[in-house]
Amino acid sequence: MKQTPILFSTPMVQSIQEDRKTKTRRTRGLEDLVIDTESGYVYNGKGNIQLDIHTWKQDILRFCPYGNIGDVLWVRETWGLNYFGSIQYYHLKYKSIEPKNADILYKADVKEFDVLLEKKWKPSIHMPKAAARIWLEIIDVRVERLQDISEEDAIAEGVYLHKGTGDLYKFYIQGRDNIVTDTAIKSFASLWISINGQESWSKNPWVWVVSFKKVNKPS
């Protein structure tokens, strides 16, 4: 069983914890994908993938950097240490203590005006495996164009539905906090742009669509 780290933003960690997010879309490894109808092959700019154009969507799954069905993802999220500082981090990094014995804080657990906001948060990329608390088993992987997302899948991406407003979803682009949108697809598009940049949605890249379920930490 492959175990692979994956980064999630704080709002998406909250969506996973609330069982609203069960899918993620990622471009890693598909950025340079070329579909050459003349040669009948699909390949990437690095030259390490060359697949038959008729079966490539299935064949390429073995190259998914996040794993395949049955593999496990461990979530890297924004985190911090209460007061042990670098010594505690050293022990976590080298797995000499278990996370349950460490005073680990997770930004996704902190309320907006909680005093813990004064703590110095560490970027998710720096989270060691020993500090991870969320483990996800992959239950499906496929490839598709970003804009081919369905309304059902956009909801499964964890976009926030405003309670008491009917089907009105959060608009994620910074500076537009009071704006809502009437479809989950539009909400997800704004989330994608907020993470990947203004032109990232219109480029309509190929993405891995990874479906998952929460599981206990593997023994």
N, C-alpha and C. Protein backbone atom coordinates (compact mmCIF):
# COMPACT_ATOMS: atom_id res chain seq x y z
N MET A 1 0.84 -1.21 0.00
CA MET A 1 0.00 0.00 0.00
C MET A 1 0.87 1.25 0.00
N LYS A 2 0.69 2.08 -0.99
CA LYS A 2 1.45 3.32 -1.10
C LYS A 2 0.85 4.37 -0.16
N GLN A 3 1.70 5.13 0.51
CA GLN A 3 1.27 6.23 1.37
C GLN A 3 1.90 7.52 0.87
N THR A 4 1.08 8.48 0.49
CA THR A 4 1.56 9.69 -0.17
C THR A 4 1.03 10.94 0.53
N PRO A 5 1.89 11.92 0.78
CA PRO A 5 1.40 13.18 1.37
C PRO A 5 0.63 14.00 0.34
N ILE A 6 -0.35 14.75 0.82
CA ILE A 6 -1.12 15.63 -0.05
C ILE A 6 -1.49 16.89 0.74
N LEU A 7 -1.34 18.05 0.12
CA LEU A 7 -1.63 19.32 0.79
C LEU A 7 -3.08 19.72 0.59
N PHE A 8 -3.70 20.22 1.66
CA PHE A 8 -5.03 20.80 1.58
C PHE A 8 -5.03 22.13 2.34
N SER A 9 -5.75 23.10 1.80
CA SER A 9 -5.93 24.37 2.48
C SER A 9 -6.80 24.18 3.72
N THR A 10 -6.78 25.15 4.61
CA THR A 10 -7.57 25.06 5.84
C THR A 10 -9.06 24.87 5.57
N PRO A 11 -9.68 25.66 4.66
CA PRO A 11 -11.11 25.43 4.38
C PRO A 11 -11.40 24.03 3.86
N MET A 12 -10.49 23.46 3.07
CA MET A 12 -10.71 22.12 2.55
C MET A 12 -10.51 21.06 3.61
N VAL A 13 -9.59 21.28 4.54
CA VAL A 13 -9.45 20.36 5.67
C VAL A 13 -10.75 20.35 6.48
N GLN A 14 -11.32 21.53 6.70
CA GLN A 14 -12.59 21.61 7.41
C GLN A 14 -13.69 20.86 6.67
N SER A 15 -13.69 20.97 5.34
CA SER A 15 -14.69 20.25 4.53
C SER A 15 -14.52 18.74 4.66
N ILE A 16 -13.27 18.28 4.69
CA ILE A 16 -13.02 16.85 4.86
C ILE A 16 -13.51 16.39 6.23
N GLN A 17 -13.19 17.17 7.26
CA GLN A 17 -13.58 16.83 8.62
C GLN A 17 -15.10 16.78 8.78
N GLU A 18 -15.79 17.62 8.01
CA GLU A 18 -17.25 17.67 8.07
C GLU A 18 -17.91 16.73 7.08
N ASP A 19 -17.11 15.88 6.44
CA ASP A 19 -17.60 14.89 5.47
C ASP A 19 -18.29 15.53 4.27
N ARG A 20 -17.87 16.74 3.92
CA ARG A 20 -18.40 17.41 2.73
C ARG A 20 -17.49 17.24 1.52
N LYS A 21 -16.23 16.96 1.75
CA LYS A 21 -15.26 16.83 0.65
C LYS A 21 -14.82 15.38 0.52
N THR A 22 -15.08 14.80 -0.65
CA THR A 22 -14.70 13.42 -0.92
C THR A 22 -13.95 13.28 -2.25
N LYS A 23 -13.63 14.40 -2.89
CA LYS A 23 -12.89 14.39 -4.15
C LYS A 23 -11.90 15.55 -4.16
N THR A 24 -10.83 15.36 -4.93
CA THR A 24 -9.90 16.45 -5.17
C THR A 24 -9.40 16.36 -6.60
N ARG A 25 -9.16 17.50 -7.22
CA ARG A 25 -8.62 17.57 -8.58
C ARG A 25 -7.23 18.19 -8.53
N ARG A 26 -6.28 17.53 -9.22
CA ARG A 26 -4.89 17.95 -9.21
C ARG A 26 -4.30 17.83 -10.62
N THR A 27 -3.39 18.74 -10.95
CA THR A 27 -2.78 18.74 -12.28
C THR A 27 -1.40 18.10 -12.32
N ARG A 28 -0.81 17.82 -11.18
CA ARG A 28 0.58 17.36 -11.12
C ARG A 28 0.82 16.15 -12.04
N GLY A 29 1.78 16.30 -12.95
CA GLY A 29 2.12 15.24 -13.87
C GLY A 29 1.35 15.28 -15.18
N LEU A 30 0.35 16.15 -15.26
CA LEU A 30 -0.46 16.27 -16.48
C LEU A 30 -0.27 17.62 -17.17
N GLU A 31 0.63 18.45 -16.64
CA GLU A 31 0.78 19.81 -17.14
C GLU A 31 1.20 19.86 -18.61
N ASP A 32 2.04 18.90 -19.04
CA ASP A 32 2.59 18.93 -20.39
C ASP A 32 1.98 17.85 -21.29
N LEU A 33 0.79 17.41 -20.96
CA LEU A 33 0.17 16.33 -21.72
C LEU A 33 -0.13 16.77 -23.16
N VAL A 34 0.23 15.93 -24.12
CA VAL A 34 0.00 16.21 -25.54
C VAL A 34 -0.77 15.05 -26.14
N ILE A 35 -1.89 15.35 -26.78
CA ILE A 35 -2.68 14.33 -27.48
C ILE A 35 -2.44 14.52 -28.97
N ASP A 36 -1.67 13.64 -29.56
CA ASP A 36 -1.24 13.76 -30.95
C ASP A 36 -2.07 12.81 -31.82
N THR A 37 -3.11 13.32 -32.43
CA THR A 37 -3.99 12.48 -33.24
C THR A 37 -3.29 11.95 -34.50
N GLU A 38 -2.30 12.67 -34.96
CA GLU A 38 -1.59 12.24 -36.17
C GLU A 38 -0.77 10.97 -35.91
N SER A 39 -0.05 10.95 -34.79
CA SER A 39 0.77 9.78 -34.47
C SER A 39 -0.02 8.69 -33.76
N GLY A 40 -1.14 9.08 -33.16
CA GLY A 40 -1.95 8.11 -32.43
C GLY A 40 -1.47 7.85 -31.02
N TYR A 41 -0.65 8.80 -30.49
CA TYR A 41 -0.11 8.63 -29.15
C TYR A 41 -0.43 9.84 -28.27
N VAL A 42 -0.44 9.56 -26.98
CA VAL A 42 -0.52 10.60 -25.96
C VAL A 42 0.79 10.56 -25.19
N TYR A 43 1.41 11.72 -25.02
CA TYR A 43 2.68 11.76 -24.32
C TYR A 43 2.80 13.07 -23.56
N ASN A 44 3.85 13.17 -22.75
CA ASN A 44 4.10 14.42 -22.05
C ASN A 44 5.46 14.98 -22.45
N GLY A 45 5.69 16.22 -22.09
CA GLY A 45 6.90 16.90 -22.51
C GLY A 45 8.18 16.29 -21.98
N LYS A 46 8.08 15.55 -20.88
CA LYS A 46 9.27 14.93 -20.30
C LYS A 46 9.67 13.65 -21.04
N GLY A 47 8.76 13.15 -21.86
CA GLY A 47 9.08 11.99 -22.67
C GLY A 47 8.99 10.65 -21.97
N ASN A 48 8.50 10.65 -20.71
CA ASN A 48 8.43 9.38 -19.99
C ASN A 48 7.06 8.73 -20.05
N ILE A 49 6.14 9.33 -20.81
CA ILE A 49 4.82 8.74 -21.02
C ILE A 49 4.54 8.72 -22.52
N GLN A 50 4.20 7.55 -23.05
CA GLN A 50 3.75 7.43 -24.43
C GLN A 50 2.70 6.33 -24.47
N LEU A 51 1.47 6.74 -24.68
CA LEU A 51 0.33 5.83 -24.55
C LEU A 51 -0.52 5.85 -25.81
N ASP A 52 -1.17 4.73 -26.08
CA ASP A 52 -2.08 4.64 -27.21
C ASP A 52 -3.25 5.60 -27.02
N ILE A 53 -3.56 6.34 -28.06
CA ILE A 53 -4.59 7.38 -27.96
C ILE A 53 -5.98 6.82 -27.65
N HIS A 54 -6.21 5.54 -27.96
CA HIS A 54 -7.53 4.94 -27.74
C HIS A 54 -7.72 4.44 -26.31
N THR A 55 -6.66 4.21 -25.60
CA THR A 55 -6.77 3.64 -24.24
C THR A 55 -6.05 4.46 -23.18
N TRP A 56 -5.59 5.65 -23.55
CA TRP A 56 -4.69 6.39 -22.67
C TRP A 56 -5.32 6.79 -21.34
N LYS A 57 -6.61 7.08 -21.32
CA LYS A 57 -7.24 7.54 -20.08
C LYS A 57 -7.20 6.47 -18.99
N GLN A 58 -7.22 5.22 -19.39
CA GLN A 58 -7.09 4.13 -18.43
C GLN A 58 -5.62 3.82 -18.17
N ASP A 59 -4.82 3.79 -19.24
CA ASP A 59 -3.41 3.41 -19.10
C ASP A 59 -2.61 4.41 -18.26
N ILE A 60 -3.00 5.69 -18.32
CA ILE A 60 -2.22 6.72 -17.63
C ILE A 60 -2.40 6.67 -16.12
N LEU A 61 -3.40 5.95 -15.64
CA LEU A 61 -3.66 5.92 -14.21
C LEU A 61 -2.49 5.37 -13.41
N ARG A 62 -1.70 4.50 -14.05
CA ARG A 62 -0.55 3.94 -13.32
C ARG A 62 0.52 4.99 -13.04
N PHE A 63 0.42 6.14 -13.70
CA PHE A 63 1.38 7.22 -13.48
C PHE A 63 0.87 8.26 -12.48
N CYS A 64 -0.31 8.05 -11.93
CA CYS A 64 -0.87 9.04 -11.00
C CYS A 64 0.06 9.20 -9.79
N PRO A 65 0.56 10.41 -9.54
CA PRO A 65 1.52 10.61 -8.43
C PRO A 65 0.90 10.45 -7.05
N TYR A 66 -0.42 10.39 -6.98
CA TYR A 66 -1.08 10.28 -5.69
C TYR A 66 -1.42 8.84 -5.33
N GLY A 67 -1.21 7.92 -6.28
CA GLY A 67 -1.51 6.52 -6.03
C GLY A 67 -2.75 6.08 -6.79
N ASN A 68 -3.21 4.90 -6.45
CA ASN A 68 -4.40 4.34 -7.09
C ASN A 68 -5.30 3.71 -6.05
N ILE A 69 -6.34 3.06 -6.51
CA ILE A 69 -7.36 2.52 -5.61
C ILE A 69 -6.70 1.63 -4.55
N GLY A 70 -7.03 1.90 -3.29
CA GLY A 70 -6.48 1.15 -2.18
C GLY A 70 -5.28 1.81 -1.53
N ASP A 71 -4.64 2.74 -2.25
CA ASP A 71 -3.53 3.48 -1.65
C ASP A 71 -4.06 4.55 -0.69
N VAL A 72 -3.17 5.11 0.11
CA VAL A 72 -3.58 6.02 1.18
C VAL A 72 -2.85 7.35 1.05
N LEU A 73 -3.59 8.43 1.27
CA LEU A 73 -3.04 9.78 1.32
C LEU A 73 -3.01 10.24 2.78
N TRP A 74 -1.92 10.88 3.18
CA TRP A 74 -1.93 11.53 4.50
C TRP A 74 -1.87 13.04 4.30
N VAL A 75 -2.74 13.73 5.00
CA VAL A 75 -3.00 15.14 4.74
C VAL A 75 -2.00 16.03 5.45
N ARG A 76 -1.37 16.88 4.68
CA ARG A 76 -0.56 17.96 5.23
C ARG A 76 -1.44 19.21 5.31
N GLU A 77 -1.53 19.79 6.49
CA GLU A 77 -2.37 20.96 6.72
C GLU A 77 -1.58 21.96 7.56
N THR A 78 -2.08 23.20 7.63
CA THR A 78 -1.43 24.22 8.44
C THR A 78 -1.52 23.83 9.91
N TRP A 79 -0.38 23.89 10.61
CA TRP A 79 -0.29 23.33 11.95
C TRP A 79 0.68 24.14 12.79
N GLY A 80 0.79 23.79 14.04
CA GLY A 80 1.73 24.48 14.93
C GLY A 80 1.98 23.65 16.17
N LEU A 81 2.97 24.08 16.95
CA LEU A 81 3.29 23.43 18.22
C LEU A 81 3.02 24.43 19.34
N ASN A 82 2.45 23.95 20.41
CA ASN A 82 1.99 24.85 21.46
C ASN A 82 3.13 25.59 22.15
N TYR A 83 4.11 24.86 22.64
CA TYR A 83 5.20 25.56 23.32
C TYR A 83 6.51 24.80 23.31
N PHE A 84 6.55 23.60 22.70
CA PHE A 84 7.77 22.81 22.75
C PHE A 84 8.81 23.25 21.73
N GLY A 85 8.37 23.98 20.70
CA GLY A 85 9.30 24.56 19.74
C GLY A 85 10.10 23.55 18.93
N SER A 86 11.35 23.92 18.64
CA SER A 86 12.16 23.15 17.71
C SER A 86 12.49 21.75 18.22
N ILE A 87 12.62 21.57 19.55
CA ILE A 87 12.92 20.24 20.07
C ILE A 87 11.78 19.28 19.76
N GLN A 88 10.56 19.74 19.98
CA GLN A 88 9.41 18.90 19.69
C GLN A 88 9.33 18.60 18.19
N TYR A 89 9.62 19.59 17.35
CA TYR A 89 9.60 19.39 15.91
C TYR A 89 10.63 18.34 15.51
N TYR A 90 11.80 18.40 16.12
CA TYR A 90 12.85 17.44 15.82
C TYR A 90 12.36 16.02 16.12
N HIS A 91 11.73 15.83 17.25
CA HIS A 91 11.25 14.50 17.61
C HIS A 91 10.16 14.03 16.64
N LEU A 92 9.27 14.94 16.23
CA LEU A 92 8.23 14.58 15.28
C LEU A 92 8.83 14.19 13.94
N LYS A 93 9.78 14.98 13.49
CA LYS A 93 10.39 14.75 12.19
C LYS A 93 11.04 13.38 12.12
N TYR A 94 11.69 13.00 13.21
CA TYR A 94 12.40 11.72 13.20
C TYR A 94 11.62 10.61 13.91
N LYS A 95 10.32 10.86 14.13
CA LYS A 95 9.38 9.83 14.57
C LYS A 95 9.75 9.21 15.91
N SER A 96 10.39 9.96 16.77
CA SER A 96 10.78 9.40 18.05
C SER A 96 9.68 9.55 19.10
N ILE A 97 8.62 10.29 18.77
CA ILE A 97 7.44 10.34 19.64
C ILE A 97 6.20 10.24 18.77
N GLU A 98 5.10 9.85 19.38
CA GLU A 98 3.83 9.77 18.66
C GLU A 98 3.11 11.12 18.74
N PRO A 99 2.33 11.48 17.71
CA PRO A 99 1.61 12.75 17.73
C PRO A 99 0.70 12.91 18.94
N LYS A 100 0.13 11.80 19.44
CA LYS A 100 -0.79 11.92 20.58
C LYS A 100 -0.06 12.42 21.83
N ASN A 101 1.25 12.27 21.86
CA ASN A 101 2.02 12.75 23.00
C ASN A 101 2.57 14.15 22.79
N ALA A 102 2.28 14.73 21.62
CA ALA A 102 2.78 16.06 21.31
C ALA A 102 1.64 17.07 21.39
N ASP A 103 1.98 18.29 21.73
CA ASP A 103 0.99 19.34 21.82
C ASP A 103 0.87 20.01 20.45
N ILE A 104 0.17 19.34 19.53
CA ILE A 104 0.06 19.81 18.15
C ILE A 104 -1.25 20.57 17.98
N LEU A 105 -1.18 21.70 17.30
CA LEU A 105 -2.35 22.50 16.99
C LEU A 105 -2.61 22.43 15.48
N TYR A 106 -3.88 22.47 15.11
CA TYR A 106 -4.27 22.45 13.70
C TYR A 106 -5.14 23.67 13.42
N LYS A 107 -4.74 24.46 12.44
CA LYS A 107 -5.44 25.71 12.18
C LYS A 107 -6.91 25.48 11.85
N ALA A 108 -7.21 24.34 11.21
CA ALA A 108 -8.59 24.05 10.84
C ALA A 108 -9.51 23.90 12.05
N ASP A 109 -8.93 23.67 13.22
CA ASP A 109 -9.74 23.50 14.44
C ASP A 109 -10.00 24.82 15.16
N VAL A 110 -9.32 25.88 14.73
CA VAL A 110 -9.35 27.14 15.48
C VAL A 110 -10.49 28.03 15.00
N LYS A 111 -11.28 28.50 15.96
CA LYS A 111 -12.37 29.42 15.63
C LYS A 111 -11.80 30.79 15.28
N GLU A 112 -12.60 31.58 14.59
CA GLU A 112 -12.12 32.85 14.02
C GLU A 112 -11.46 33.75 15.05
N PHE A 113 -12.02 33.83 16.26
CA PHE A 113 -11.48 34.75 17.26
C PHE A 113 -10.78 34.02 18.40
N ASP A 114 -10.41 32.79 18.16
CA ASP A 114 -9.73 32.00 19.18
C ASP A 114 -8.35 32.59 19.49
N VAL A 115 -7.96 32.57 20.73
CA VAL A 115 -6.66 33.11 21.14
C VAL A 115 -5.52 32.34 20.49
N LEU A 116 -5.76 31.10 20.07
CA LEU A 116 -4.70 30.31 19.44
C LEU A 116 -4.26 30.89 18.10
N LEU A 117 -5.05 31.83 17.55
CA LEU A 117 -4.64 32.48 16.32
C LEU A 117 -3.34 33.25 16.51
N GLU A 118 -3.00 33.54 17.75
CA GLU A 118 -1.75 34.25 18.02
C GLU A 118 -0.53 33.34 17.89
N LYS A 119 -0.77 32.04 17.83
CA LYS A 119 0.34 31.10 17.68
C LYS A 119 0.97 31.25 16.30
N LYS A 120 2.20 30.86 16.19
CA LYS A 120 2.90 30.91 14.91
C LYS A 120 2.63 29.63 14.16
N TRP A 121 1.84 29.74 13.10
CA TRP A 121 1.49 28.57 12.32
C TRP A 121 2.63 28.16 11.40
N LYS A 122 2.76 26.86 11.19
CA LYS A 122 3.75 26.31 10.27
C LYS A 122 3.05 25.93 8.97
N PRO A 123 3.67 26.22 7.82
CA PRO A 123 3.04 25.86 6.53
C PRO A 123 2.80 24.36 6.43
N SER A 124 1.76 24.01 5.71
CA SER A 124 1.41 22.60 5.57
C SER A 124 2.54 21.79 4.95
N ILE A 125 3.31 22.39 4.04
CA ILE A 125 4.39 21.67 3.37
C ILE A 125 5.44 21.17 4.36
N HIS A 126 5.51 21.80 5.54
CA HIS A 126 6.51 21.43 6.54
C HIS A 126 5.97 20.46 7.59
N MET A 127 4.75 19.96 7.39
CA MET A 127 4.21 19.02 8.37
C MET A 127 4.85 17.64 8.19
N PRO A 128 5.47 17.10 9.25
CA PRO A 128 6.01 15.74 9.15
C PRO A 128 4.88 14.71 9.23
N LYS A 129 5.15 13.55 8.71
CA LYS A 129 4.14 12.49 8.68
C LYS A 129 3.63 12.15 10.07
N ALA A 130 4.51 12.21 11.07
CA ALA A 130 4.12 11.86 12.44
C ALA A 130 3.07 12.80 13.01
N ALA A 131 2.94 14.00 12.45
CA ALA A 131 1.95 14.96 12.94
C ALA A 131 0.61 14.86 12.21
N ALA A 132 0.56 14.07 11.14
CA ALA A 132 -0.67 13.97 10.34
C ALA A 132 -1.78 13.30 11.14
N ARG A 133 -2.98 13.84 11.03
CA ARG A 133 -4.12 13.26 11.75
C ARG A 133 -5.21 12.77 10.80
N ILE A 134 -5.13 13.16 9.51
CA ILE A 134 -6.16 12.78 8.54
C ILE A 134 -5.56 11.85 7.50
N TRP A 135 -6.17 10.69 7.36
CA TRP A 135 -5.72 9.67 6.41
C TRP A 135 -6.88 9.34 5.48
N LEU A 136 -6.61 9.29 4.19
CA LEU A 136 -7.64 9.11 3.18
C LEU A 136 -7.31 7.93 2.27
N GLU A 137 -8.24 7.02 2.14
CA GLU A 137 -8.04 5.90 1.22
C GLU A 137 -8.62 6.26 -0.15
N ILE A 138 -7.84 6.05 -1.19
CA ILE A 138 -8.30 6.33 -2.56
C ILE A 138 -9.28 5.25 -2.99
N ILE A 139 -10.46 5.66 -3.45
CA ILE A 139 -11.47 4.70 -3.90
C ILE A 139 -11.72 4.80 -5.41
N ASP A 140 -11.18 5.84 -6.05
CA ASP A 140 -11.33 5.94 -7.51
C ASP A 140 -10.38 7.01 -8.02
N VAL A 141 -9.87 6.80 -9.23
CA VAL A 141 -9.04 7.79 -9.91
C VAL A 141 -9.42 7.80 -11.38
N ARG A 142 -9.52 8.99 -11.96
CA ARG A 142 -9.74 9.12 -13.39
C ARG A 142 -9.11 10.43 -13.85
N VAL A 143 -9.04 10.63 -15.18
CA VAL A 143 -8.58 11.90 -15.71
C VAL A 143 -9.68 12.52 -16.55
N GLU A 144 -9.77 13.85 -16.49
CA GLU A 144 -10.72 14.58 -17.31
C GLU A 144 -10.29 16.04 -17.38
N ARG A 145 -10.92 16.79 -18.24
CA ARG A 145 -10.69 18.23 -18.30
C ARG A 145 -11.30 18.90 -17.09
N LEU A 146 -10.66 19.93 -16.59
CA LEU A 146 -11.12 20.63 -15.40
C LEU A 146 -12.56 21.09 -15.52
N GLN A 147 -12.90 21.70 -16.65
CA GLN A 147 -14.23 22.28 -16.82
C GLN A 147 -15.32 21.25 -17.09
N ASP A 148 -14.95 19.97 -17.16
CA ASP A 148 -15.95 18.92 -17.34
C ASP A 148 -16.60 18.51 -16.02
N ILE A 149 -16.23 19.17 -14.95
CA ILE A 149 -16.78 18.84 -13.63
C ILE A 149 -18.30 18.98 -13.63
N SER A 150 -18.97 18.02 -13.01
CA SER A 150 -20.43 18.06 -12.87
C SER A 150 -20.81 18.81 -11.60
N GLU A 151 -22.07 19.17 -11.50
CA GLU A 151 -22.56 19.84 -10.29
C GLU A 151 -22.39 18.93 -9.08
N GLU A 152 -22.67 17.65 -9.26
CA GLU A 152 -22.51 16.69 -8.17
C GLU A 152 -21.05 16.61 -7.71
N ASP A 153 -20.13 16.57 -8.66
CA ASP A 153 -18.72 16.51 -8.31
C ASP A 153 -18.24 17.80 -7.66
N ALA A 154 -18.77 18.93 -8.11
CA ALA A 154 -18.39 20.21 -7.51
C ALA A 154 -18.81 20.25 -6.04
N ILE A 155 -19.97 19.72 -5.73
CA ILE A 155 -20.42 19.62 -4.34
C ILE A 155 -19.48 18.71 -3.55
N ALA A 156 -19.06 17.59 -4.19
CA ALA A 156 -18.15 16.64 -3.53
C ALA A 156 -16.76 17.22 -3.35
N GLU A 157 -16.44 18.32 -4.03
CA GLU A 157 -15.16 19.01 -3.83
C GLU A 157 -15.16 19.83 -2.54
N GLY A 158 -16.31 19.90 -1.88
CA GLY A 158 -16.35 20.52 -0.55
C GLY A 158 -16.68 22.00 -0.53
N VAL A 159 -17.20 22.54 -1.64
CA VAL A 159 -17.53 23.97 -1.64
C VAL A 159 -18.63 24.22 -0.60
N TYR A 160 -18.58 25.40 -0.01
CA TYR A 160 -19.44 25.70 1.13
C TYR A 160 -20.82 26.18 0.69
N LEU A 161 -21.86 25.53 1.20
CA LEU A 161 -23.24 25.92 0.94
C LEU A 161 -23.71 26.80 2.09
N HIS A 162 -24.13 28.04 1.79
CA HIS A 162 -24.60 28.95 2.83
C HIS A 162 -25.94 28.48 3.38
N LYS A 163 -26.00 28.27 4.67
CA LYS A 163 -27.23 27.79 5.29
C LYS A 163 -28.29 28.88 5.29
N GLY A 164 -29.51 28.47 5.01
CA GLY A 164 -30.63 29.40 5.05
C GLY A 164 -30.76 30.27 3.82
N THR A 165 -29.98 30.01 2.79
CA THR A 165 -30.04 30.85 1.59
C THR A 165 -30.45 30.05 0.36
N GLY A 166 -30.94 28.83 0.57
CA GLY A 166 -31.20 27.99 -0.58
C GLY A 166 -29.87 27.48 -1.13
N ASP A 167 -29.87 27.18 -2.39
CA ASP A 167 -28.65 26.66 -3.01
C ASP A 167 -27.73 27.79 -3.46
N LEU A 168 -27.16 28.50 -2.50
CA LEU A 168 -26.21 29.56 -2.78
C LEU A 168 -24.86 29.18 -2.17
N TYR A 169 -23.83 29.19 -2.99
CA TYR A 169 -22.53 28.69 -2.58
C TYR A 169 -21.52 29.83 -2.43
N LYS A 170 -20.52 29.56 -1.64
CA LYS A 170 -19.48 30.55 -1.37
C LYS A 170 -18.68 30.88 -2.61
N PHE A 171 -18.31 32.16 -2.76
CA PHE A 171 -17.40 32.62 -3.81
C PHE A 171 -16.06 32.86 -3.16
N TYR A 172 -15.01 32.15 -3.62
CA TYR A 172 -13.77 32.05 -2.87
C TYR A 172 -12.71 33.08 -3.22
N ILE A 173 -12.89 33.86 -4.27
CA ILE A 173 -11.85 34.80 -4.66
C ILE A 173 -11.73 35.91 -3.62
N GLN A 174 -10.51 36.15 -3.18
CA GLN A 174 -10.24 37.09 -2.09
C GLN A 174 -10.78 38.48 -2.40
N GLY A 175 -11.35 39.11 -1.39
CA GLY A 175 -11.90 40.45 -1.56
C GLY A 175 -13.36 40.46 -1.97
N ARG A 176 -13.93 39.26 -2.18
CA ARG A 176 -15.34 39.18 -2.58
C ARG A 176 -16.11 38.30 -1.61
N ASP A 177 -15.86 38.52 -0.32
CA ASP A 177 -16.41 37.65 0.71
C ASP A 177 -17.93 37.70 0.79
N ASN A 178 -18.53 38.77 0.34
CA ASN A 178 -19.98 38.90 0.45
C ASN A 178 -20.72 38.40 -0.79
N ILE A 179 -19.98 37.88 -1.74
CA ILE A 179 -20.58 37.39 -2.98
C ILE A 179 -20.89 35.91 -2.86
N VAL A 180 -22.05 35.50 -3.32
CA VAL A 180 -22.40 34.08 -3.40
C VAL A 180 -22.74 33.76 -4.84
N THR A 181 -22.81 32.48 -5.15
CA THR A 181 -23.12 32.06 -6.50
C THR A 181 -24.16 30.95 -6.46
N ASP A 182 -24.88 30.77 -7.55
CA ASP A 182 -26.04 29.88 -7.53
C ASP A 182 -25.73 28.44 -7.91
N THR A 183 -24.50 28.13 -8.29
CA THR A 183 -24.16 26.73 -8.59
C THR A 183 -22.86 26.35 -7.90
N ALA A 184 -22.75 25.06 -7.60
CA ALA A 184 -21.51 24.55 -7.00
C ALA A 184 -20.36 24.63 -7.98
N ILE A 185 -20.64 24.49 -9.28
CA ILE A 185 -19.58 24.57 -10.29
C ILE A 185 -18.94 25.96 -10.29
N LYS A 186 -19.74 27.01 -10.24
CA LYS A 186 -19.20 28.37 -10.20
C LYS A 186 -18.40 28.58 -8.92
N SER A 187 -18.89 28.02 -7.82
CA SER A 187 -18.18 28.14 -6.55
C SER A 187 -16.83 27.44 -6.64
N PHE A 188 -16.82 26.23 -7.21
CA PHE A 188 -15.57 25.49 -7.34
C PHE A 188 -14.61 26.22 -8.28
N ALA A 189 -15.13 26.81 -9.35
CA ALA A 189 -14.27 27.58 -10.27
C ALA A 189 -13.59 28.72 -9.53
N SER A 190 -14.32 29.41 -8.66
CA SER A 190 -13.72 30.51 -7.90
C SER A 190 -12.68 29.98 -6.91
N LEU A 191 -12.94 28.82 -6.34
CA LEU A 191 -11.97 28.19 -5.43
C LEU A 191 -10.70 27.84 -6.20
N TRP A 192 -10.85 27.25 -7.37
CA TRP A 192 -9.69 26.87 -8.19
C TRP A 192 -8.86 28.10 -8.55
N ILE A 193 -9.53 29.17 -8.97
CA ILE A 193 -8.83 30.41 -9.33
C ILE A 193 -8.12 31.01 -8.13
N SER A 194 -8.76 30.95 -6.96
CA SER A 194 -8.14 31.53 -5.75
C SER A 194 -6.85 30.80 -5.37
N ILE A 195 -6.75 29.53 -5.74
CA ILE A 195 -5.56 28.73 -5.41
C ILE A 195 -4.53 28.79 -6.52
N ASN A 196 -4.98 28.73 -7.78
CA ASN A 196 -4.07 28.51 -8.91
C ASN A 196 -3.86 29.71 -9.83
N GLY A 197 -4.59 30.81 -9.59
CA GLY A 197 -4.38 31.99 -10.41
C GLY A 197 -5.52 32.30 -11.37
N GLN A 198 -5.57 33.52 -11.84
CA GLN A 198 -6.69 34.04 -12.61
C GLN A 198 -6.95 33.27 -13.89
N GLU A 199 -5.90 32.85 -14.59
CA GLU A 199 -6.08 32.19 -15.89
C GLU A 199 -6.21 30.67 -15.77
N SER A 200 -6.11 30.15 -14.57
CA SER A 200 -6.02 28.70 -14.40
C SER A 200 -7.29 27.96 -14.79
N TRP A 201 -8.44 28.59 -14.62
CA TRP A 201 -9.71 27.95 -14.99
C TRP A 201 -9.91 27.97 -16.49
N SER A 202 -9.65 29.10 -17.11
CA SER A 202 -9.87 29.24 -18.55
C SER A 202 -8.94 28.35 -19.37
N LYS A 203 -7.79 27.97 -18.82
CA LYS A 203 -6.86 27.07 -19.52
C LYS A 203 -7.41 25.66 -19.61
N ASN A 204 -8.36 25.33 -18.74
CA ASN A 204 -9.06 24.04 -18.78
C ASN A 204 -8.08 22.86 -18.86
N PRO A 205 -7.18 22.72 -17.89
CA PRO A 205 -6.16 21.67 -17.96
C PRO A 205 -6.74 20.28 -17.71
N TRP A 206 -5.98 19.26 -18.07
CA TRP A 206 -6.29 17.90 -17.66
C TRP A 206 -5.98 17.77 -16.17
N VAL A 207 -6.85 17.05 -15.46
CA VAL A 207 -6.67 16.88 -14.02
C VAL A 207 -6.90 15.42 -13.63
N TRP A 208 -6.21 15.02 -12.57
CA TRP A 208 -6.57 13.77 -11.90
C TRP A 208 -7.80 14.06 -11.05
N VAL A 209 -8.79 13.21 -11.10
CA VAL A 209 -9.94 13.29 -10.21
C VAL A 209 -9.80 12.14 -9.22
N VAL A 210 -9.43 12.48 -8.00
CA VAL A 210 -9.15 11.47 -6.97
C VAL A 210 -10.30 11.46 -5.96
N SER A 211 -10.99 10.34 -5.86
CA SER A 211 -12.06 10.17 -4.87
C SER A 211 -11.50 9.41 -3.68
N PHE A 212 -11.96 9.77 -2.49
CA PHE A 212 -11.40 9.17 -1.28
C PHE A 212 -12.42 9.07 -0.17
N LYS A 213 -12.05 8.30 0.84
CA LYS A 213 -12.84 8.22 2.07
C LYS A 213 -11.88 8.29 3.25
N LYS A 214 -12.35 8.85 4.36
CA LYS A 214 -11.52 8.93 5.56
C LYS A 214 -11.35 7.53 6.18
N VAL A 215 -10.14 7.27 6.61
CA VAL A 215 -9.83 5.99 7.27
C VAL A 215 -8.95 6.26 8.48
N ASN A 216 -8.79 5.26 9.32
CA ASN A 216 -7.87 5.36 10.43
C ASN A 216 -6.43 5.29 9.94
N LYS A 217 -5.52 5.81 10.73
CA LYS A 217 -4.11 5.73 10.38
C LYS A 217 -3.69 4.28 10.26
N PRO A 218 -3.05 3.92 9.14
CA PRO A 218 -2.61 2.52 8.97
C PRO A 218 -1.66 2.10 10.09
N SER A 219 -1.77 0.88 10.52
CA SER A 219 -0.91 0.39 11.59
C SER A 219 0.47 0.03 11.06
